[in-house]
């Protein structure tokens, strides 16, 4: 899954996670179910992005 991840994909994933967290914050008052969906999916995406970042860094270290 993380074999061919690029630096651009990592940057875009963190940007999309930021958008997901901001949507969860903005919808918290009126649409709580939608906010919880954005919060849980953004948290899961953040965990996957951190794993991808670790794999990317290991690949860069072994490449040099």
Protein backbone atom coordinates (compact mmCIF):
# COMPACT_ATOMS: atom_id res chain seq x y z
CA UNK A 1 0.00 0.00 0.00
CA UNK A 2 2.78 2.42 0.86
CA UNK A 3 5.39 1.21 -1.64
CA UNK A 4 4.93 3.91 -4.27
CA UNK A 5 3.95 6.91 -2.16
CA UNK A 6 5.42 10.23 -3.24
CA UNK A 7 6.22 13.42 -1.39
CA UNK A 8 3.40 15.27 -3.16
CA UNK A 9 0.88 12.64 -2.06
CA UNK A 10 2.02 13.01 1.54
CA UNK A 11 1.66 16.78 1.44
CA UNK A 12 -1.77 16.56 -0.16
CA UNK A 13 -2.91 13.97 2.37
CA UNK A 14 -1.99 16.22 5.29
CA UNK A 15 -3.82 19.10 3.57
CA UNK A 16 -6.94 16.95 3.13
CA UNK A 17 -6.75 15.84 6.77
CA UNK A 18 -6.65 19.49 7.82
CA UNK A 19 -9.76 20.14 5.73
CA UNK A 20 -11.50 17.15 7.36
CA UNK A 21 -10.72 18.40 10.87
CA UNK A 22 -11.90 21.90 9.98
CA UNK A 23 -15.18 20.47 8.60
CA UNK A 24 -15.67 18.54 11.84
CA UNK A 25 -15.13 21.73 13.81
CA UNK A 26 -17.41 23.86 11.61
CA UNK A 27 -20.34 21.40 11.67
CA UNK A 28 -20.15 20.52 15.36
CA UNK A 29 -23.02 22.72 16.49
CA UNK A 30 -25.76 21.77 14.06
CA UNK A 31 -24.81 18.43 12.47
CA UNK A 32 -23.20 16.30 15.13
CA UNK A 33 -23.33 13.00 13.19
CA UNK A 34 -21.59 14.57 10.20
CA UNK A 35 -18.99 16.08 12.52
CA UNK A 36 -18.28 12.72 14.12
CA UNK A 37 -17.89 11.17 10.66
CA UNK A 38 -15.37 13.83 9.63
CA UNK A 39 -13.57 13.52 12.96
CA UNK A 40 -13.21 9.74 12.83
CA UNK A 41 -12.31 9.61 9.14
CA UNK A 42 -9.75 12.39 9.54
CA UNK A 43 -8.21 10.63 12.52
CA UNK A 44 -7.96 7.38 10.55
CA UNK A 45 -6.48 9.25 7.58
CA UNK A 46 -3.98 10.96 9.91
CA UNK A 47 -2.82 7.60 11.25
CA UNK A 48 -2.41 6.26 7.71
CA UNK A 49 -0.55 9.42 6.64
CA UNK A 50 1.85 9.10 9.56
CA UNK A 51 2.51 5.46 8.64
CA UNK A 52 3.08 6.56 5.05
CA UNK A 53 5.49 9.25 6.21
CA UNK A 54 7.46 6.72 8.25
CA UNK A 55 7.68 4.35 5.28
CA UNK A 56 8.71 7.22 2.99
CA UNK A 57 11.45 8.32 5.38
CA UNK A 58 12.77 4.77 5.76
CA UNK A 59 12.86 4.39 1.99
CA UNK A 60 14.76 7.67 1.66
CA UNK A 61 17.29 6.64 4.31
CA UNK A 62 17.94 3.24 2.73
CA UNK A 63 18.17 4.82 -0.73
CA UNK A 64 21.08 7.08 0.31
